[in-house]
Amino acid sequence: MELKFEEKEDTLFLSIKGRVDTLTAPILEKSLQKEWTTKNLLIDLKDLEYVSSAGLRVFLAALKKAKSQNGTLKLFNINDSVMEVFEITGFKKLFQL
């Protein structure tokens, strides 16, 4: 998994490449805790190949954090296979996609 962060004003942009699974989800979570100091978070999932339940948990925790600080979390450029996971799990209804 590769993570690329870029901060502009009150928004942190993150692009994720590869897989977010049991092994990489803790890395994503720790990186978000370290890098996310802004109000809003935009995550580009164009190059995300796979997300497991561990990865979904990280996204859900990030959504809760965004809401607690009156910010937003948006996911975009989601490919079909990842979108299918979001649809099956009901996460599609929770997130701004």
N, C-alpha and C. Protein backbone atom coordinates (compact mmCIF):
# COMPACT_ATOMS: atom_id res chain seq x y z
N MET A 1 0.84 -1.18 0.00
CA MET A 1 0.00 0.00 0.00
C MET A 1 0.88 1.24 0.00
N GLU A 2 0.52 2.19 -0.83
CA GLU A 2 1.21 3.48 -0.86
C GLU A 2 0.22 4.57 -0.52
N LEU A 3 0.65 5.51 0.32
CA LEU A 3 -0.18 6.64 0.73
C LEU A 3 0.50 7.93 0.31
N LYS A 4 -0.30 8.85 -0.24
CA LYS A 4 0.23 10.16 -0.60
C LYS A 4 -0.68 11.21 0.02
N PHE A 5 -0.10 12.06 0.86
CA PHE A 5 -0.85 13.11 1.53
C PHE A 5 -0.49 14.47 0.95
N GLU A 6 -1.49 15.34 0.86
CA GLU A 6 -1.26 16.71 0.43
C GLU A 6 -2.28 17.59 1.15
N GLU A 7 -1.79 18.63 1.80
CA GLU A 7 -2.67 19.51 2.56
C GLU A 7 -2.84 20.84 1.85
N LYS A 8 -4.10 21.28 1.75
CA LYS A 8 -4.42 22.59 1.17
C LYS A 8 -5.49 23.22 2.04
N GLU A 9 -5.15 24.37 2.61
CA GLU A 9 -6.05 25.11 3.49
C GLU A 9 -6.60 24.21 4.59
N ASP A 10 -7.92 24.00 4.64
CA ASP A 10 -8.50 23.21 5.72
C ASP A 10 -8.82 21.78 5.28
N THR A 11 -8.16 21.30 4.21
CA THR A 11 -8.46 19.97 3.68
C THR A 11 -7.17 19.17 3.48
N LEU A 12 -7.23 17.91 3.89
CA LEU A 12 -6.15 16.97 3.63
C LEU A 12 -6.60 16.04 2.52
N PHE A 13 -5.79 15.95 1.47
CA PHE A 13 -6.05 15.05 0.35
C PHE A 13 -5.17 13.81 0.55
N LEU A 14 -5.78 12.65 0.40
CA LEU A 14 -5.07 11.40 0.53
C LEU A 14 -5.38 10.52 -0.66
N SER A 15 -4.35 9.98 -1.29
CA SER A 15 -4.58 8.98 -2.32
C SER A 15 -3.96 7.67 -1.83
N ILE A 16 -4.73 6.60 -2.04
CA ILE A 16 -4.32 5.28 -1.57
C ILE A 16 -4.11 4.38 -2.79
N LYS A 17 -2.96 3.72 -2.82
CA LYS A 17 -2.66 2.80 -3.91
C LYS A 17 -2.38 1.43 -3.32
N GLY A 18 -3.00 0.41 -3.90
CA GLY A 18 -2.75 -0.95 -3.44
C GLY A 18 -3.93 -1.52 -2.68
N ARG A 19 -3.63 -2.21 -1.57
CA ARG A 19 -4.65 -2.92 -0.80
C ARG A 19 -4.71 -2.37 0.63
N VAL A 20 -5.92 -2.26 1.15
CA VAL A 20 -6.10 -1.96 2.57
C VAL A 20 -6.74 -3.19 3.18
N ASP A 21 -5.90 -3.96 3.87
CA ASP A 21 -6.35 -5.23 4.44
C ASP A 21 -5.86 -5.32 5.88
N THR A 22 -5.92 -6.51 6.44
CA THR A 22 -5.55 -6.71 7.84
C THR A 22 -4.12 -6.26 8.13
N LEU A 23 -3.22 -6.43 7.18
CA LEU A 23 -1.83 -6.04 7.38
C LEU A 23 -1.60 -4.54 7.21
N THR A 24 -2.29 -3.92 6.27
CA THR A 24 -2.02 -2.52 5.96
C THR A 24 -2.96 -1.53 6.64
N ALA A 25 -4.13 -1.99 7.10
CA ALA A 25 -5.09 -1.08 7.75
C ALA A 25 -4.48 -0.36 8.96
N PRO A 26 -3.71 -1.03 9.82
CA PRO A 26 -3.10 -0.31 10.94
C PRO A 26 -2.13 0.78 10.49
N ILE A 27 -1.46 0.56 9.39
CA ILE A 27 -0.54 1.57 8.84
C ILE A 27 -1.34 2.79 8.38
N LEU A 28 -2.44 2.54 7.68
CA LEU A 28 -3.32 3.64 7.23
C LEU A 28 -3.85 4.40 8.43
N GLU A 29 -4.31 3.69 9.44
CA GLU A 29 -4.87 4.33 10.62
C GLU A 29 -3.84 5.22 11.32
N LYS A 30 -2.63 4.71 11.52
CA LYS A 30 -1.59 5.50 12.18
C LYS A 30 -1.17 6.70 11.34
N SER A 31 -1.12 6.51 10.02
CA SER A 31 -0.76 7.62 9.13
C SER A 31 -1.81 8.71 9.18
N LEU A 32 -3.07 8.33 9.21
CA LEU A 32 -4.14 9.32 9.32
C LEU A 32 -4.05 10.07 10.64
N GLN A 33 -3.81 9.37 11.71
CA GLN A 33 -3.69 10.03 13.02
C GLN A 33 -2.56 11.05 13.02
N LYS A 34 -1.48 10.72 12.35
CA LYS A 34 -0.32 11.60 12.31
C LYS A 34 -0.52 12.79 11.36
N GLU A 35 -1.05 12.52 10.17
CA GLU A 35 -1.11 13.54 9.11
C GLU A 35 -2.36 14.42 9.16
N TRP A 36 -3.45 13.91 9.68
CA TRP A 36 -4.74 14.60 9.58
C TRP A 36 -4.90 15.63 10.69
N THR A 37 -4.55 16.86 10.38
CA THR A 37 -4.68 17.96 11.33
C THR A 37 -5.67 19.00 10.82
N THR A 38 -6.24 18.77 9.66
CA THR A 38 -7.19 19.71 9.06
C THR A 38 -8.61 19.32 9.44
N LYS A 39 -9.56 20.13 9.00
CA LYS A 39 -10.97 19.87 9.30
C LYS A 39 -11.56 18.81 8.38
N ASN A 40 -11.16 18.83 7.12
CA ASN A 40 -11.77 17.96 6.10
C ASN A 40 -10.75 16.98 5.53
N LEU A 41 -11.29 15.85 5.05
CA LEU A 41 -10.45 14.81 4.45
C LEU A 41 -11.09 14.34 3.16
N LEU A 42 -10.33 14.36 2.08
CA LEU A 42 -10.76 13.82 0.79
C LEU A 42 -9.84 12.66 0.44
N ILE A 43 -10.43 11.50 0.16
CA ILE A 43 -9.63 10.31 -0.12
C ILE A 43 -9.90 9.84 -1.54
N ASP A 44 -8.84 9.80 -2.33
CA ASP A 44 -8.89 9.33 -3.71
C ASP A 44 -8.62 7.83 -3.72
N LEU A 45 -9.62 7.06 -4.16
CA LEU A 45 -9.51 5.60 -4.16
C LEU A 45 -9.32 5.02 -5.55
N LYS A 46 -8.88 5.85 -6.48
CA LYS A 46 -8.70 5.41 -7.87
C LYS A 46 -7.79 4.19 -7.97
N ASP A 47 -6.73 4.16 -7.19
CA ASP A 47 -5.74 3.09 -7.27
C ASP A 47 -5.86 2.07 -6.13
N LEU A 48 -6.99 2.12 -5.41
CA LEU A 48 -7.23 1.13 -4.37
C LEU A 48 -7.73 -0.15 -5.03
N GLU A 49 -6.99 -1.23 -4.85
CA GLU A 49 -7.33 -2.49 -5.50
C GLU A 49 -8.27 -3.34 -4.68
N TYR A 50 -8.19 -3.21 -3.34
CA TYR A 50 -8.95 -4.09 -2.47
C TYR A 50 -9.10 -3.44 -1.10
N VAL A 51 -10.25 -3.62 -0.47
CA VAL A 51 -10.44 -3.17 0.91
C VAL A 51 -11.13 -4.28 1.69
N SER A 52 -10.57 -4.61 2.85
CA SER A 52 -11.14 -5.65 3.71
C SER A 52 -11.97 -4.99 4.81
N SER A 53 -12.52 -5.81 5.68
CA SER A 53 -13.30 -5.27 6.80
C SER A 53 -12.41 -4.42 7.71
N ALA A 54 -11.14 -4.76 7.81
CA ALA A 54 -10.21 -3.95 8.62
C ALA A 54 -10.05 -2.56 8.00
N GLY A 55 -10.00 -2.50 6.68
CA GLY A 55 -9.91 -1.21 6.00
C GLY A 55 -11.18 -0.41 6.16
N LEU A 56 -12.32 -1.08 6.07
CA LEU A 56 -13.61 -0.40 6.26
C LEU A 56 -13.70 0.20 7.66
N ARG A 57 -13.16 -0.51 8.64
CA ARG A 57 -13.18 0.01 10.01
C ARG A 57 -12.38 1.31 10.11
N VAL A 58 -11.26 1.39 9.41
CA VAL A 58 -10.45 2.61 9.42
C VAL A 58 -11.23 3.76 8.77
N PHE A 59 -11.90 3.49 7.65
CA PHE A 59 -12.70 4.53 7.00
C PHE A 59 -13.83 4.99 7.91
N LEU A 60 -14.47 4.06 8.62
CA LEU A 60 -15.56 4.41 9.53
C LEU A 60 -15.05 5.26 10.69
N ALA A 61 -13.90 4.91 11.24
CA ALA A 61 -13.31 5.70 12.32
C ALA A 61 -12.98 7.11 11.84
N ALA A 62 -12.49 7.23 10.61
CA ALA A 62 -12.17 8.54 10.05
C ALA A 62 -13.45 9.36 9.85
N LEU A 63 -14.52 8.71 9.43
CA LEU A 63 -15.80 9.40 9.26
C LEU A 63 -16.29 9.94 10.60
N LYS A 64 -16.18 9.14 11.65
CA LYS A 64 -16.60 9.59 12.98
C LYS A 64 -15.76 10.78 13.45
N LYS A 65 -14.47 10.74 13.16
CA LYS A 65 -13.59 11.85 13.54
C LYS A 65 -14.00 13.12 12.80
N ALA A 66 -14.24 13.00 11.49
CA ALA A 66 -14.63 14.16 10.70
C ALA A 66 -15.91 14.79 11.25
N LYS A 67 -16.89 13.95 11.56
CA LYS A 67 -18.16 14.46 12.09
C LYS A 67 -17.98 15.10 13.45
N SER A 68 -17.11 14.54 14.28
CA SER A 68 -16.89 15.08 15.63
C SER A 68 -16.24 16.46 15.61
N GLN A 69 -15.52 16.76 14.52
CA GLN A 69 -14.88 18.08 14.42
C GLN A 69 -15.60 18.96 13.40
N ASN A 70 -16.87 18.63 13.12
CA ASN A 70 -17.69 19.38 12.16
C ASN A 70 -17.02 19.52 10.81
N GLY A 71 -16.32 18.49 10.41
CA GLY A 71 -15.67 18.47 9.11
C GLY A 71 -16.37 17.48 8.18
N THR A 72 -15.72 17.19 7.07
CA THR A 72 -16.28 16.25 6.11
C THR A 72 -15.23 15.22 5.72
N LEU A 73 -15.73 14.07 5.32
CA LEU A 73 -14.90 13.03 4.74
C LEU A 73 -15.57 12.61 3.45
N LYS A 74 -14.86 12.73 2.36
CA LYS A 74 -15.39 12.34 1.05
C LYS A 74 -14.45 11.34 0.41
N LEU A 75 -15.04 10.31 -0.18
CA LEU A 75 -14.30 9.30 -0.93
C LEU A 75 -14.65 9.48 -2.39
N PHE A 76 -13.66 9.44 -3.28
CA PHE A 76 -13.95 9.63 -4.70
C PHE A 76 -13.06 8.76 -5.57
N ASN A 77 -13.42 8.68 -6.85
CA ASN A 77 -12.72 7.84 -7.84
C ASN A 77 -12.71 6.37 -7.42
N ILE A 78 -13.84 5.89 -6.95
CA ILE A 78 -13.92 4.51 -6.47
C ILE A 78 -14.16 3.57 -7.63
N ASN A 79 -13.30 2.55 -7.74
CA ASN A 79 -13.46 1.59 -8.84
C ASN A 79 -14.61 0.62 -8.53
N ASP A 80 -15.01 -0.16 -9.51
CA ASP A 80 -16.19 -1.02 -9.39
C ASP A 80 -16.06 -2.06 -8.29
N SER A 81 -14.90 -2.69 -8.16
CA SER A 81 -14.76 -3.76 -7.16
C SER A 81 -14.83 -3.22 -5.74
N VAL A 82 -14.23 -2.06 -5.50
CA VAL A 82 -14.30 -1.45 -4.17
C VAL A 82 -15.72 -0.93 -3.92
N MET A 83 -16.34 -0.35 -4.93
CA MET A 83 -17.71 0.12 -4.78
C MET A 83 -18.64 -1.02 -4.42
N GLU A 84 -18.41 -2.19 -4.98
CA GLU A 84 -19.24 -3.35 -4.67
C GLU A 84 -19.14 -3.70 -3.17
N VAL A 85 -17.95 -3.60 -2.61
CA VAL A 85 -17.76 -3.85 -1.18
C VAL A 85 -18.55 -2.82 -0.36
N PHE A 86 -18.50 -1.56 -0.78
CA PHE A 86 -19.24 -0.51 -0.08
C PHE A 86 -20.75 -0.75 -0.18
N GLU A 87 -21.21 -1.22 -1.32
CA GLU A 87 -22.64 -1.48 -1.50
C GLU A 87 -23.08 -2.67 -0.65
N ILE A 88 -22.34 -3.76 -0.68
CA ILE A 88 -22.70 -4.98 0.05
C ILE A 88 -22.74 -4.74 1.56
N THR A 89 -21.80 -3.95 2.05
CA THR A 89 -21.69 -3.72 3.50
C THR A 89 -22.60 -2.60 3.99
N GLY A 90 -23.22 -1.85 3.07
CA GLY A 90 -24.06 -0.74 3.46
C GLY A 90 -23.28 0.55 3.70
N PHE A 91 -21.97 0.52 3.50
CA PHE A 91 -21.14 1.71 3.71
C PHE A 91 -21.43 2.78 2.67
N LYS A 92 -21.98 2.40 1.55
CA LYS A 92 -22.28 3.39 0.50
C LYS A 92 -23.26 4.45 1.03
N LYS A 93 -24.14 4.04 1.93
CA LYS A 93 -25.13 4.97 2.49
C LYS A 93 -24.51 5.90 3.55
N LEU A 94 -23.39 5.49 4.12
CA LEU A 94 -22.77 6.25 5.20
C LEU A 94 -21.86 7.37 4.70
N PHE A 95 -21.24 7.15 3.55
CA PHE A 95 -20.19 8.05 3.06
C PHE A 95 -20.67 8.91 1.89
N GLN A 96 -20.02 10.07 1.77
CA GLN A 96 -20.20 10.90 0.57
C GLN A 96 -19.26 10.34 -0.48
N LEU A 97 -19.87 9.80 -1.55
CA LEU A 97 -19.06 9.16 -2.60
C LEU A 97 -19.14 9.97 -3.89
